[in-house]
Amino acid sequence: MEPYYYSQMNKQQQRIYQVIKSGLESLSQSFDVQRVEGRELSDIFYKLRLDSPEIFYAPTFHYSFYEDSTRVKIKPDYLFEKNKIREHQMAMSSRVEKLARVVKDKNDWEKEQYIHDFICENVTYDKLKKQYSHEILGPLGQGIGVCEGIAKSVKILCDKLSIPCIVAISENNPDKNIKYRHAWNVIQINGVWYHLDATFDNSLGKKEARYDYFNLDDKSIFKDHEPVIYKVPACSEGDHFYYKEKKLSFTKQEDVAKRCQQAIKKGKVLTFHWRGGYLTKAVLEELLQIIADAAGEKDSYSQVSLNWAQAVIRVKFFKEQVKDSVKIEDAYKEENDATP
């Protein structure tokens, strides 16, 4: 399959893309391409790296040209010396191969869940935002990453497992205190495109797998994500959202009561999605009352975490007295971080 962002380019941009890719793969110190505006050149370079997470060693570049020239000289800014790059390439290739091997015979949905769970259980968000955390080196090599590195890691594993996958990028929005761009994935399962944001789920789960952002449609993802900078395929199908697949998406209050009783009996945490109309304050109060009543019937106490944008409610039950509480969860609101 043709790389996604490459397929969206015109012929001239594709030629420049190919020359840059070839230059970076051969670790050339400089190479010439057709002259275009600096912004367009930066876009081509950036999109190439979204298509090719394995090019993790050249995050930026400089360029120069003569006033009357039709060519531009590109000088990549490599993160490491040549030998070190080759060393890292071997390590990353081996890591990807080893991780993918575990699920090579599974179906695409199971492969997707495996990749998602690997990120949620093994990667820590890098608040210091080290350079390599924006690349696959961070999550796959060091166990730390920011959204861009996480999305690229999901993509390289999907690439290895022949699942079509794109890194989506949204703009910052200072009005909403979103200081940085954000990156996640658009992934094709059984011929249908979905949004998958492993970073947001990673932030909610704290080393446990959460699935609030697993196979969302456009309507759902853009409740708490900014619009994308570069066009991605439409995701119009919401029926394979994780909680719907697992029969944990409820439309009736009696279903919530029943599942709470089962969770208390089994000593388990209950995470469910509410789709019985909008989750207004009044509806939430009714659901909280149902949860508290179910706990009270079993001499238990409840603590609730709420992802309001996605209408996902997580309930923990305790036998000993705890303060009944409701915590509003925000998935990395202040730490969105894909670099331009």
C-alpha atoms as a PDB file:
ATOM      1  CA  MET A   1       0.000   0.000   0.000  1.00  0.00           C
ATOM      2  CA  GLU A   2       1.290   3.452  -0.962  1.00  0.00           C
ATOM      3  CA  PRO A   3       2.273   5.587   2.070  1.00  0.00           C
ATOM      4  CA  TYR A   4      -0.773   7.669   2.988  1.00  0.00           C
ATOM      5  CA  TYR A   5       0.610  11.213   3.006  1.00  0.00           C
ATOM      6  CA  TYR A   6       2.689  10.478  -0.098  1.00  0.00           C
ATOM      7  CA  SER A   7      -0.510   9.432  -1.888  1.00  0.00           C
ATOM      8  CA  GLN A   8      -2.067  12.849  -1.116  1.00  0.00           C
ATOM      9  CA  MET A   9       0.758  14.799  -2.806  1.00  0.00           C
ATOM     10  CA  ASN A  10       1.112  16.133  -6.343  1.00  0.00           C
ATOM     11  CA  LYS A  11       3.771  14.710  -8.679  1.00  0.00           C
ATOM     12  CA  GLN A  12       6.392  17.370  -7.893  1.00  0.00           C
ATOM     13  CA  GLN A  13       5.952  16.921  -4.136  1.00  0.00           C
ATOM     14  CA  GLN A  14       6.197  13.143  -4.552  1.00  0.00           C
ATOM     15  CA  ARG A  15       9.517  13.508  -6.408  1.00  0.00           C
ATOM     16  CA  ILE A  16      10.901  15.717  -3.631  1.00  0.00           C
ATOM     17  CA  TYR A  17       9.580  13.248  -1.013  1.00  0.00           C
ATOM     18  CA  GLN A  18      11.376  10.356  -2.740  1.00  0.00           C
ATOM     19  CA  VAL A  19      14.702  12.227  -2.967  1.00  0.00           C
ATOM     20  CA  ILE A  20      14.521  13.212   0.719  1.00  0.00           C
ATOM     21  CA  LYS A  21      13.616   9.646   1.731  1.00  0.00           C
ATOM     22  CA  SER A  22      16.490   8.207  -0.276  1.00  0.00           C
ATOM     23  CA  GLY A  23      18.909  10.801   1.170  1.00  0.00           C
ATOM     24  CA  LEU A  24      17.843  10.094   4.755  1.00  0.00           C
ATOM     25  CA  GLU A  25      17.983   6.311   4.307  1.00  0.00           C
ATOM     26  CA  SER A  26      21.530   6.547   2.946  1.00  0.00           C
ATOM     27  CA  LEU A  27      22.433   8.995   5.752  1.00  0.00           C
ATOM     28  CA  SER A  28      23.685  11.577   3.220  1.00  0.00           C
ATOM     29  CA  GLN A  29      25.064  14.781   4.698  1.00  0.00           C
ATOM     30  CA  SER A  30      23.308  16.821   2.006  1.00  0.00           C
ATOM     31  CA  PHE A  31      21.329  16.400  -1.214  1.00  0.00           C
ATOM     32  CA  ASP A  32      19.533  18.611  -3.738  1.00  0.00           C
ATOM     33  CA  VAL A  33      15.816  18.750  -4.520  1.00  0.00           C
ATOM     34  CA  GLN A  34      13.609  20.899  -6.733  1.00  0.00           C
ATOM     35  CA  ARG A  35      13.135  24.345  -5.285  1.00  0.00           C
ATOM     36  CA  VAL A  36       9.782  25.023  -3.621  1.00  0.00           C
ATOM     37  CA  GLU A  37       8.680  27.399  -0.872  1.00  0.00           C
ATOM     38  CA  GLY A  38      10.219  26.691   2.552  1.00  0.00           C
ATOM     39  CA  ARG A  39       6.832  25.927   4.143  1.00  0.00           C
ATOM     40  CA  GLU A  40       6.006  23.394   1.434  1.00  0.00           C
ATOM     41  CA  LEU A  41       9.420  21.769   1.832  1.00  0.00           C
ATOM     42  CA  SER A  42       8.916  21.507   5.604  1.00  0.00           C
ATOM     43  CA  ASP A  43       5.487  19.949   5.084  1.00  0.00           C
ATOM     44  CA  ILE A  44       6.889  17.314   2.701  1.00  0.00           C
ATOM     45  CA  PHE A  45       9.682  16.481   5.161  1.00  0.00           C
ATOM     46  CA  TYR A  46       7.237  16.275   8.084  1.00  0.00           C
ATOM     47  CA  LYS A  47       4.709  14.108   6.211  1.00  0.00           C
ATOM     48  CA  LEU A  48       7.479  11.779   5.045  1.00  0.00           C
ATOM     49  CA  ARG A  49       8.404  11.194   8.675  1.00  0.00           C
ATOM     50  CA  LEU A  50       4.757  10.546   9.610  1.00  0.00           C
ATOM     51  CA  ASP A  51       4.638   7.933   6.835  1.00  0.00           C
ATOM     52  CA  SER A  52       8.011   6.444   7.879  1.00  0.00           C
ATOM     53  CA  PRO A  53       8.428   6.089  11.666  1.00  0.00           C
ATOM     54  CA  GLU A  54      11.587   4.055  10.994  1.00  0.00           C
ATOM     55  CA  ILE A  55      13.292   7.347  10.012  1.00  0.00           C
ATOM     56  CA  PHE A  56      13.612   8.370  13.652  1.00  0.00           C
ATOM     57  CA  TYR A  57      17.120   9.818  13.461  1.00  0.00           C
ATOM     58  CA  ALA A  58      16.586  13.017  11.439  1.00  0.00           C
ATOM     59  CA  PRO A  59      13.882  15.163  13.043  1.00  0.00           C
ATOM     60  CA  THR A  60      14.779  18.439  11.317  1.00  0.00           C
ATOM     61  CA  PHE A  61      16.813  19.897   8.471  1.00  0.00           C
ATOM     62  CA  HIS A  62      18.381  23.088   7.159  1.00  0.00           C
ATOM     63  CA  TYR A  63      18.315  24.207   3.560  1.00  0.00           C
ATOM     64  CA  SER A  64      20.051  26.741   1.349  1.00  0.00           C
ATOM     65  CA  PHE A  65      19.844  27.911  -2.277  1.00  0.00           C
ATOM     66  CA  TYR A  66      21.202  30.480  -4.688  1.00  0.00           C
ATOM     67  CA  GLU A  67      18.810  33.245  -5.664  1.00  0.00           C
ATOM     68  CA  ASP A  68      18.535  32.206  -9.327  1.00  0.00           C
ATOM     69  CA  SER A  69      18.773  28.445  -8.718  1.00  0.00           C
ATOM     70  CA  THR A  70      15.977  25.934  -9.375  1.00  0.00           C
ATOM     71  CA  ARG A  71      17.454  23.566  -6.772  1.00  0.00           C
ATOM     72  CA  VAL A  72      17.586  23.583  -2.965  1.00  0.00           C
ATOM     73  CA  LYS A  73      20.328  21.936  -0.903  1.00  0.00           C
ATOM     74  CA  ILE A  74      18.959  20.028   2.113  1.00  0.00           C
ATOM     75  CA  LYS A  75      21.151  19.270   5.115  1.00  0.00           C
ATOM     76  CA  PRO A  76      19.455  16.872   7.570  1.00  0.00           C
ATOM     77  CA  ASP A  77      20.063  17.352  11.298  1.00  0.00           C
ATOM     78  CA  TYR A  78      20.908  13.826  12.420  1.00  0.00           C
ATOM     79  CA  LEU A  79      20.442  12.923  16.090  1.00  0.00           C
ATOM     80  CA  PHE A  80      23.438  10.591  16.144  1.00  0.00           C
ATOM     81  CA  GLU A  81      26.641   9.658  14.339  1.00  0.00           C
ATOM     82  CA  LYS A  82      26.278   7.149  11.467  1.00  0.00           C
ATOM     83  CA  ASN A  83      27.422   4.120  13.454  1.00  0.00           C
ATOM     84  CA  LYS A  84      25.066   4.967  16.308  1.00  0.00           C
ATOM     85  CA  ILE A  85      22.156   5.354  13.867  1.00  0.00           C
ATOM     86  CA  ARG A  86      22.860   1.899  12.387  1.00  0.00           C
ATOM     87  CA  GLU A  87      23.025   0.467  15.903  1.00  0.00           C
ATOM     88  CA  HIS A  88      19.667   2.012  16.834  1.00  0.00           C
ATOM     89  CA  GLN A  89      18.143   0.838  13.531  1.00  0.00           C
ATOM     90  CA  MET A  90      19.098  -2.754  14.273  1.00  0.00           C
ATOM     91  CA  ALA A  91      17.768  -2.509  17.825  1.00  0.00           C
ATOM     92  CA  MET A  92      14.448  -0.983  16.685  1.00  0.00           C
ATOM     93  CA  SER A  93      14.016  -3.478  13.852  1.00  0.00           C
ATOM     94  CA  SER A  94      14.617  -6.352  16.246  1.00  0.00           C
ATOM     95  CA  ARG A  95      12.234  -4.866  18.846  1.00  0.00           C
ATOM     96  CA  VAL A  96       9.423  -4.381  16.311  1.00  0.00           C
ATOM     97  CA  GLU A  97       9.943  -7.882  14.916  1.00  0.00           C
ATOM     98  CA  LYS A  98       9.829  -9.425  18.400  1.00  0.00           C
ATOM     99  CA  LEU A  99       6.699  -7.526  19.476  1.00  0.00           C
ATOM    100  CA  ALA A 100       4.830  -8.250  16.238  1.00  0.00           C
ATOM    101  CA  ARG A 101       5.671 -11.951  16.244  1.00  0.00           C
ATOM    102  CA  VAL A 102       3.448 -12.552  19.296  1.00  0.00           C
ATOM    103  CA  VAL A 103       0.243 -11.707  17.376  1.00  0.00           C
ATOM    104  CA  LYS A 104       1.114 -12.413  13.741  1.00  0.00           C
ATOM    105  CA  ASP A 105      -1.572 -15.133  13.516  1.00  0.00           C
ATOM    106  CA  LYS A 106      -4.343 -13.118  15.223  1.00  0.00           C
ATOM    107  CA  ASN A 107      -7.063 -11.143  13.479  1.00  0.00           C
ATOM    108  CA  ASP A 108      -6.634  -7.387  12.909  1.00  0.00           C
ATOM    109  CA  TRP A 109      -8.850  -6.332  15.836  1.00  0.00           C
ATOM    110  CA  GLU A 110      -6.810  -8.529  18.212  1.00  0.00           C
ATOM    111  CA  LYS A 111      -3.560  -7.168  16.766  1.00  0.00           C
ATOM    112  CA  GLU A 112      -4.808  -3.617  17.300  1.00  0.00           C
ATOM    113  CA  GLN A 113      -5.747  -4.352  20.919  1.00  0.00           C
ATOM    114  CA  TYR A 114      -2.350  -5.955  21.543  1.00  0.00           C
ATOM    115  CA  ILE A 115      -0.521  -2.866  20.223  1.00  0.00           C
ATOM    116  CA  HIS A 116      -2.789  -0.537  22.218  1.00  0.00           C
ATOM    117  CA  ASP A 117      -2.360  -2.561  25.421  1.00  0.00           C
ATOM    118  CA  PHE A 118       1.406  -2.705  24.969  1.00  0.00           C
ATOM    119  CA  ILE A 119       1.491   1.121  24.912  1.00  0.00           C
ATOM    120  CA  CYS A 120      -0.864   1.443  27.903  1.00  0.00           C
ATOM    121  CA  GLU A 121       1.023  -1.076  30.039  1.00  0.00           C
ATOM    122  CA  ASN A 122       4.645  -0.393  29.094  1.00  0.00           C
ATOM    123  CA  VAL A 123       5.059   3.274  28.171  1.00  0.00           C
ATOM    124  CA  THR A 124       5.274   6.201  30.594  1.00  0.00           C
ATOM    125  CA  TYR A 125       4.464   9.698  29.413  1.00  0.00           C
ATOM    126  CA  ASP A 126       7.648  11.788  29.210  1.00  0.00           C
ATOM    127  CA  LYS A 127       6.858  15.096  30.887  1.00  0.00           C
ATOM    128  CA  LEU A 128      10.385  16.347  30.095  1.00  0.00           C
ATOM    129  CA  LYS A 129       9.720  15.816  26.370  1.00  0.00           C
ATOM    130  CA  LYS A 130      13.172  14.522  25.445  1.00  0.00           C
ATOM    131  CA  GLN A 131      13.984  14.599  21.725  1.00  0.00           C
ATOM    132  CA  TYR A 132      13.808  10.813  21.319  1.00  0.00           C
ATOM    133  CA  SER A 133      10.378  10.710  23.023  1.00  0.00           C
ATOM    134  CA  HIS A 134       8.947  12.177  19.805  1.00  0.00           C
ATOM    135  CA  GLU A 135      10.278   9.140  17.914  1.00  0.00           C
ATOM    136  CA  ILE A 136       9.841   5.350  18.165  1.00  0.00           C
ATOM    137  CA  LEU A 137      13.108   5.282  20.122  1.00  0.00           C
ATOM    138  CA  GLY A 138      11.304   6.616  23.189  1.00  0.00           C
ATOM    139  CA  PRO A 139       8.334   4.226  23.593  1.00  0.00           C
ATOM    140  CA  LEU A 140       9.957   1.147  22.011  1.00  0.00           C
ATOM    141  CA  GLY A 141      13.515   1.668  23.285  1.00  0.00           C
ATOM    142  CA  GLN A 142      13.217   3.540  26.577  1.00  0.00           C
ATOM    143  CA  GLY A 143       9.611   2.892  27.635  1.00  0.00           C
ATOM    144  CA  ILE A 144       8.828   6.618  27.628  1.00  0.00           C
ATOM    145  CA  GLY A 145       7.255   8.836  25.018  1.00  0.00           C
ATOM    146  CA  VAL A 146       5.017  11.745  24.116  1.00  0.00           C
ATOM    147  CA  CYS A 147       2.015  11.564  21.801  1.00  0.00           C
ATOM    148  CA  GLU A 148       4.028  11.822  18.586  1.00  0.00           C
ATOM    149  CA  GLY A 149       6.417   9.014  19.574  1.00  0.00           C
ATOM    150  CA  ILE A 150       3.500   6.875  20.768  1.00  0.00           C
ATOM    151  CA  ALA A 151       1.511   7.383  17.535  1.00  0.00           C
ATOM    152  CA  LYS A 152       4.601   6.561  15.444  1.00  0.00           C
ATOM    153  CA  SER A 153       5.202   3.430  17.540  1.00  0.00           C
ATOM    154  CA  VAL A 154       1.601   2.292  16.971  1.00  0.00           C
ATOM    155  CA  LYS A 155       2.088   2.906  13.247  1.00  0.00           C
ATOM    156  CA  ILE A 156       5.368   0.995  12.898  1.00  0.00           C
ATOM    157  CA  LEU A 157       3.842  -2.024  14.670  1.00  0.00           C
ATOM    158  CA  CYS A 158       0.723  -1.797  12.474  1.00  0.00           C
ATOM    159  CA  ASP A 159       2.984  -1.549   9.399  1.00  0.00           C
ATOM    160  CA  LYS A 160       4.782  -4.700  10.495  1.00  0.00           C
ATOM    161  CA  LEU A 161       1.447  -6.489  10.958  1.00  0.00           C
ATOM    162  CA  SER A 162       0.038  -5.230   7.614  1.00  0.00           C
ATOM    163  CA  ILE A 163      -2.675  -3.066   9.197  1.00  0.00           C
ATOM    164  CA  PRO A 164      -3.207   0.254   7.348  1.00  0.00           C
ATOM    165  CA  CYS A 165      -2.399   3.025   9.830  1.00  0.00           C
ATOM    166  CA  ILE A 166      -1.876   6.800   9.662  1.00  0.00           C
ATOM    167  CA  VAL A 167      -0.444   9.266  12.186  1.00  0.00           C
ATOM    168  CA  ALA A 168      -3.020  12.071  12.527  1.00  0.00           C
ATOM    169  CA  ILE A 169      -1.948  15.524  13.714  1.00  0.00           C
ATOM    170  CA  SER A 170      -4.156  18.241  15.209  1.00  0.00           C
ATOM    171  CA  GLU A 171      -3.320  21.897  15.761  1.00  0.00           C
ATOM    172  CA  ASN A 172      -2.816  23.571  19.120  1.00  0.00           C
ATOM    173  CA  ASN A 173      -5.545  25.860  20.492  1.00  0.00           C
ATOM    174  CA  PRO A 174      -4.354  28.518  22.976  1.00  0.00           C
ATOM    175  CA  ASP A 175      -7.979  29.560  23.620  1.00  0.00           C
ATOM    176  CA  LYS A 176      -8.572  26.132  25.183  1.00  0.00           C
ATOM    177  CA  ASN A 177      -5.118  26.088  26.824  1.00  0.00           C
ATOM    178  CA  ILE A 178      -3.950  23.435  24.343  1.00  0.00           C
ATOM    179  CA  LYS A 179      -0.375  24.584  23.829  1.00  0.00           C
ATOM    180  CA  TYR A 180       0.923  21.945  21.436  1.00  0.00           C
ATOM    181  CA  ARG A 181      -0.077  19.879  18.477  1.00  0.00           C
ATOM    182  CA  HIS A 182      -1.403  16.411  19.278  1.00  0.00           C
ATOM    183  CA  ALA A 183      -0.818  13.103  17.473  1.00  0.00           C
ATOM    184  CA  TRP A 184      -2.883   9.907  17.390  1.00  0.00           C
ATOM    185  CA  ASN A 185      -3.714   7.216  14.808  1.00  0.00           C
ATOM    186  CA  VAL A 186      -6.329   6.568  12.177  1.00  0.00           C
ATOM    187  CA  ILE A 187      -6.397   2.833  11.612  1.00  0.00           C
ATOM    188  CA  GLN A 188      -8.196   0.534   9.176  1.00  0.00           C
ATOM    189  CA  ILE A 189      -9.756  -2.638  10.590  1.00  0.00           C
ATOM    190  CA  ASN A 190     -11.648  -4.948   8.215  1.00  0.00           C
ATOM    191  CA  GLY A 191     -11.832  -2.217   5.594  1.00  0.00           C
ATOM    192  CA  VAL A 192     -13.201   0.468   7.940  1.00  0.00           C
ATOM    193  CA  TRP A 193     -11.286   3.497   9.282  1.00  0.00           C
ATOM    194  CA  TYR A 194     -11.341   4.379  13.018  1.00  0.00           C
ATOM    195  CA  HIS A 195      -9.577   6.775  15.372  1.00  0.00           C
ATOM    196  CA  LEU A 196      -7.268   5.218  17.967  1.00  0.00           C
ATOM    197  CA  ASP A 197      -5.611   7.441  20.584  1.00  0.00           C
ATOM    198  CA  ALA A 198      -3.285   5.266  22.641  1.00  0.00           C
ATOM    199  CA  THR A 199      -1.798   8.352  24.376  1.00  0.00           C
ATOM    200  CA  PHE A 200      -5.140   9.450  25.834  1.00  0.00           C
ATOM    201  CA  ASP A 201      -5.913   5.880  26.961  1.00  0.00           C
ATOM    202  CA  ASN A 202      -2.394   5.584  28.397  1.00  0.00           C
ATOM    203  CA  SER A 203      -2.942   8.737  30.461  1.00  0.00           C
ATOM    204  CA  LEU A 204      -6.272   7.514  31.837  1.00  0.00           C
ATOM    205  CA  GLY A 205      -5.136   3.993  32.633  1.00  0.00           C
ATOM    206  CA  LYS A 206      -1.884   4.615  34.534  1.00  0.00           C
ATOM    207  CA  LYS A 207      -0.330   1.297  33.433  1.00  0.00           C
ATOM    208  CA  GLU A 208      -3.742  -0.373  33.040  1.00  0.00           C
ATOM    209  CA  ALA A 209      -5.417  -0.596  29.657  1.00  0.00           C
ATOM    210  CA  ARG A 210      -8.284   1.857  29.117  1.00  0.00           C
ATOM    211  CA  TYR A 211     -10.299   1.875  25.905  1.00  0.00           C
ATOM    212  CA  ASP A 212     -12.071   5.247  25.873  1.00  0.00           C
ATOM    213  CA  TYR A 213     -10.344   6.136  22.585  1.00  0.00           C
ATOM    214  CA  PHE A 214     -10.321   2.712  20.895  1.00  0.00           C
ATOM    215  CA  ASN A 215     -12.025   2.782  17.469  1.00  0.00           C
ATOM    216  CA  LEU A 216     -13.941   6.043  17.674  1.00  0.00           C
ATOM    217  CA  ASP A 217     -15.771   7.683  14.808  1.00  0.00           C
ATOM    218  CA  ASP A 218     -15.246  11.333  13.816  1.00  0.00           C
ATOM    219  CA  LYS A 219     -18.163  12.586  15.897  1.00  0.00           C
ATOM    220  CA  SER A 220     -16.764  11.048  19.083  1.00  0.00           C
ATOM    221  CA  ILE A 221     -13.055  11.819  18.678  1.00  0.00           C
ATOM    222  CA  PHE A 222     -13.615  15.495  17.928  1.00  0.00           C
ATOM    223  CA  LYS A 223     -15.532  15.985  21.158  1.00  0.00           C
ATOM    224  CA  ASP A 224     -12.133  16.480  22.799  1.00  0.00           C
ATOM    225  CA  HIS A 225      -9.631  16.610  19.919  1.00  0.00           C
ATOM    226  CA  GLU A 226      -8.892  19.615  17.733  1.00  0.00           C
ATOM    227  CA  PRO A 227      -9.415  19.369  13.941  1.00  0.00           C
ATOM    228  CA  VAL A 228      -6.611  17.672  11.990  1.00  0.00           C
ATOM    229  CA  ILE A 229      -4.001  19.737  10.141  1.00  0.00           C
ATOM    230  CA  TYR A 230      -3.626  17.236   7.303  1.00  0.00           C
ATOM    231  CA  LYS A 231      -6.711  15.536   5.896  1.00  0.00           C
ATOM    232  CA  VAL A 232      -7.259  11.907   6.970  1.00  0.00           C
ATOM    233  CA  PRO A 233      -9.912   9.384   5.826  1.00  0.00           C
ATOM    234  CA  ALA A 234     -13.425   9.872   7.208  1.00  0.00           C
ATOM    235  CA  CYS A 235     -14.234   7.640  10.181  1.00  0.00           C
ATOM    236  CA  SER A 236     -18.011   7.328  10.039  1.00  0.00           C
ATOM    237  CA  GLU A 237     -18.467   3.922  11.691  1.00  0.00           C
ATOM    238  CA  GLY A 238     -18.867   3.780  15.479  1.00  0.00           C
ATOM    239  CA  ASP A 239     -20.151   0.238  15.910  1.00  0.00           C
ATOM    240  CA  HIS A 240     -16.770  -1.302  16.726  1.00  0.00           C
ATOM    241  CA  PHE A 241     -15.947   1.122  19.531  1.00  0.00           C
ATOM    242  CA  TYR A 242     -14.327  -1.046  22.227  1.00  0.00           C
ATOM    243  CA  TYR A 243     -17.040  -0.730  24.876  1.00  0.00           C
ATOM    244  CA  LYS A 244     -19.762  -1.522  22.339  1.00  0.00           C
ATOM    245  CA  GLU A 245     -17.832  -4.586  21.163  1.00  0.00           C
ATOM    246  CA  LYS A 246     -17.484  -5.785  24.766  1.00  0.00           C
ATOM    247  CA  LYS A 247     -21.150  -5.076  25.599  1.00  0.00           C
ATOM    248  CA  LEU A 248     -20.129  -2.384  28.071  1.00  0.00           C
ATOM    249  CA  SER A 249     -22.017   0.436  26.345  1.00  0.00           C
ATOM    250  CA  PHE A 250     -25.352   0.913  28.105  1.00  0.00           C
ATOM    251  CA  THR A 251     -28.546   2.698  27.127  1.00  0.00           C
ATOM    252  CA  LYS A 252     -30.671   1.643  30.118  1.00  0.00           C
ATOM    253  CA  GLN A 253     -30.215   2.492  33.783  1.00  0.00           C
ATOM    254  CA  GLU A 254     -31.208  -1.039  34.823  1.00  0.00           C
ATOM    255  CA  ASP A 255     -28.210  -2.378  32.858  1.00  0.00           C
ATOM    256  CA  VAL A 256     -25.923  -0.109  34.881  1.00  0.00           C
ATOM    257  CA  ALA A 257     -27.464  -1.380  38.147  1.00  0.00           C
ATOM    258  CA  LYS A 258     -27.114  -5.018  37.062  1.00  0.00           C
ATOM    259  CA  ARG A 259     -23.475  -4.655  35.998  1.00  0.00           C
ATOM    260  CA  CYS A 260     -22.627  -2.811  39.226  1.00  0.00           C
ATOM    261  CA  GLN A 261     -24.034  -5.720  41.235  1.00  0.00           C
ATOM    262  CA  GLN A 262     -21.985  -8.202  39.205  1.00  0.00           C
ATOM    263  CA  ALA A 263     -18.793  -6.124  39.636  1.00  0.00           C
ATOM    264  CA  ILE A 264     -19.278  -5.923  43.422  1.00  0.00           C
ATOM    265  CA  LYS A 265     -19.894  -9.675  43.629  1.00  0.00           C
ATOM    266  CA  LYS A 266     -16.744 -10.456  41.622  1.00  0.00           C
ATOM    267  CA  GLY A 267     -14.630  -7.766  43.303  1.00  0.00           C
ATOM    268  CA  LYS A 268     -13.923  -6.096  39.952  1.00  0.00           C
ATOM    269  CA  VAL A 269     -13.692  -2.562  38.625  1.00  0.00           C
ATOM    270  CA  LEU A 270     -16.502  -1.632  36.227  1.00  0.00           C
ATOM    271  CA  THR A 271     -15.746   0.647  33.275  1.00  0.00           C
ATOM    272  CA  PHE A 272     -18.679   1.389  30.994  1.00  0.00           C
ATOM    273  CA  HIS A 273     -19.852   3.785  28.298  1.00  0.00           C
ATOM    274  CA  TRP A 274     -23.189   5.594  28.532  1.00  0.00           C
ATOM    275  CA  ARG A 275     -25.133   6.106  25.291  1.00  0.00           C
ATOM    276  CA  GLY A 276     -28.670   6.423  26.597  1.00  0.00           C
ATOM    277  CA  GLY A 277     -28.860  10.031  25.424  1.00  0.00           C
ATOM    278  CA  TYR A 278     -26.572  12.928  26.322  1.00  0.00           C
ATOM    279  CA  LEU A 279     -24.661  12.622  29.578  1.00  0.00           C
ATOM    280  CA  THR A 280     -26.065  15.770  31.161  1.00  0.00           C
ATOM    281  CA  LYS A 281     -25.575  16.700  34.811  1.00  0.00           C
ATOM    282  CA  ALA A 282     -29.064  15.400  35.601  1.00  0.00           C
ATOM    283  CA  VAL A 283     -28.438  12.057  33.869  1.00  0.00           C
ATOM    284  CA  LEU A 284     -25.065  11.746  35.616  1.00  0.00           C
ATOM    285  CA  GLU A 285     -26.697  12.350  39.010  1.00  0.00           C
ATOM    286  CA  GLU A 286     -29.199   9.570  38.294  1.00  0.00           C
ATOM    287  CA  LEU A 287     -26.383   7.176  37.295  1.00  0.00           C
ATOM    288  CA  LEU A 288     -24.362   8.085  40.404  1.00  0.00           C
ATOM    289  CA  GLN A 289     -27.411   7.364  42.546  1.00  0.00           C
ATOM    290  CA  ILE A 290     -27.848   3.950  40.873  1.00  0.00           C
ATOM    291  CA  ILE A 291     -24.148   3.177  41.503  1.00  0.00           C
ATOM    292  CA  ALA A 292     -24.349   4.299  45.153  1.00  0.00           C
ATOM    293  CA  ASP A 293     -27.571   2.287  45.696  1.00  0.00           C
ATOM    294  CA  ALA A 294     -26.001  -0.860  44.189  1.00  0.00           C
ATOM    295  CA  ALA A 295     -22.993  -0.425  46.472  1.00  0.00           C
ATOM    296  CA  GLY A 296     -25.205   0.225  49.535  1.00  0.00           C
ATOM    297  CA  GLU A 297     -27.204  -2.965  48.952  1.00  0.00           C
ATOM    298  CA  LYS A 298     -23.972  -4.947  49.281  1.00  0.00           C
ATOM    299  CA  ASP A 299     -22.586  -2.911  52.211  1.00  0.00           C
ATOM    300  CA  SER A 300     -20.000  -1.425  49.875  1.00  0.00           C
ATOM    301  CA  TYR A 301     -18.809   2.034  48.878  1.00  0.00           C
ATOM    302  CA  SER A 302     -18.079   3.440  45.412  1.00  0.00           C
ATOM    303  CA  GLN A 303     -15.558   5.771  43.871  1.00  0.00           C
ATOM    304  CA  VAL A 304     -16.278   7.060  40.367  1.00  0.00           C
ATOM    305  CA  SER A 305     -13.979   8.469  37.669  1.00  0.00           C
ATOM    306  CA  LEU A 306     -15.641  10.192  34.749  1.00  0.00           C
ATOM    307  CA  ASN A 307     -14.367  10.907  31.233  1.00  0.00           C
ATOM    308  CA  TRP A 308     -17.136  13.366  30.472  1.00  0.00           C
ATOM    309  CA  ALA A 309     -16.286  14.050  26.808  1.00  0.00           C
ATOM    310  CA  GLN A 310     -16.491  10.352  25.926  1.00  0.00           C
ATOM    311  CA  ALA A 311     -19.247   9.479  28.464  1.00  0.00           C
ATOM    312  CA  VAL A 312     -17.094   6.735  30.022  1.00  0.00           C
ATOM    313  CA  ILE A 313     -17.565   5.987  33.723  1.00  0.00           C
ATOM    314  CA  ARG A 314     -15.179   3.892  35.809  1.00  0.00           C
ATOM    315  CA  VAL A 315     -16.368   2.598  39.183  1.00  0.00           C
ATOM    316  CA  LYS A 316     -14.328   1.026  41.958  1.00  0.00           C
ATOM    317  CA  PHE A 317     -16.104  -0.644  44.845  1.00  0.00           C
ATOM    318  CA  PHE A 318     -14.726  -0.991  48.374  1.00  0.00           C
ATOM    319  CA  LYS A 319     -15.890  -2.950  51.393  1.00  0.00           C
ATOM    320  CA  GLU A 320     -14.319  -0.577  53.898  1.00  0.00           C
ATOM    321  CA  GLN A 321     -15.557   2.983  54.316  1.00  0.00           C
ATOM    322  CA  VAL A 322     -14.248   5.362  51.691  1.00  0.00           C
ATOM    323  CA  LYS A 323     -15.492   8.790  50.868  1.00  0.00           C
ATOM    324  CA  ASP A 324     -17.936   8.464  47.957  1.00  0.00           C
ATOM    325  CA  SER A 325     -16.328  10.607  45.314  1.00  0.00           C
ATOM    326  CA  VAL A 326     -16.543  11.602  41.683  1.00  0.00           C
ATOM    327  CA  LYS A 327     -13.349  12.557  39.875  1.00  0.00           C
ATOM    328  CA  ILE A 328     -13.439  14.193  36.444  1.00  0.00           C
ATOM    329  CA  GLU A 329     -10.668  12.779  34.255  1.00  0.00           C
ATOM    330  CA  ASP A 330      -8.875  14.731  31.552  1.00  0.00           C
ATOM    331  CA  ALA A 331      -6.683  12.814  29.140  1.00  0.00           C
ATOM    332  CA  TYR A 332      -3.458  14.820  28.747  1.00  0.00           C
ATOM    333  CA  LYS A 333      -5.265  18.079  28.242  1.00  0.00           C
ATOM    334  CA  GLU A 334      -2.273  20.236  29.154  1.00  0.00           C
ATOM    335  CA  GLU A 335       0.404  17.999  27.667  1.00  0.00           C
ATOM    336  CA  ASN A 336      -0.513  17.604  24.012  1.00  0.00           C
ATOM    337  CA  ASP A 337       2.764  17.644  22.303  1.00  0.00           C
ATOM    338  CA  ALA A 338       3.477  16.800  18.677  1.00  0.00           C
ATOM    339  CA  THR A 339       6.138  19.132  17.421  1.00  0.00           C
ATOM    340  CA  PRO A 340       5.583  21.147  14.249  1.00  0.00           C
END
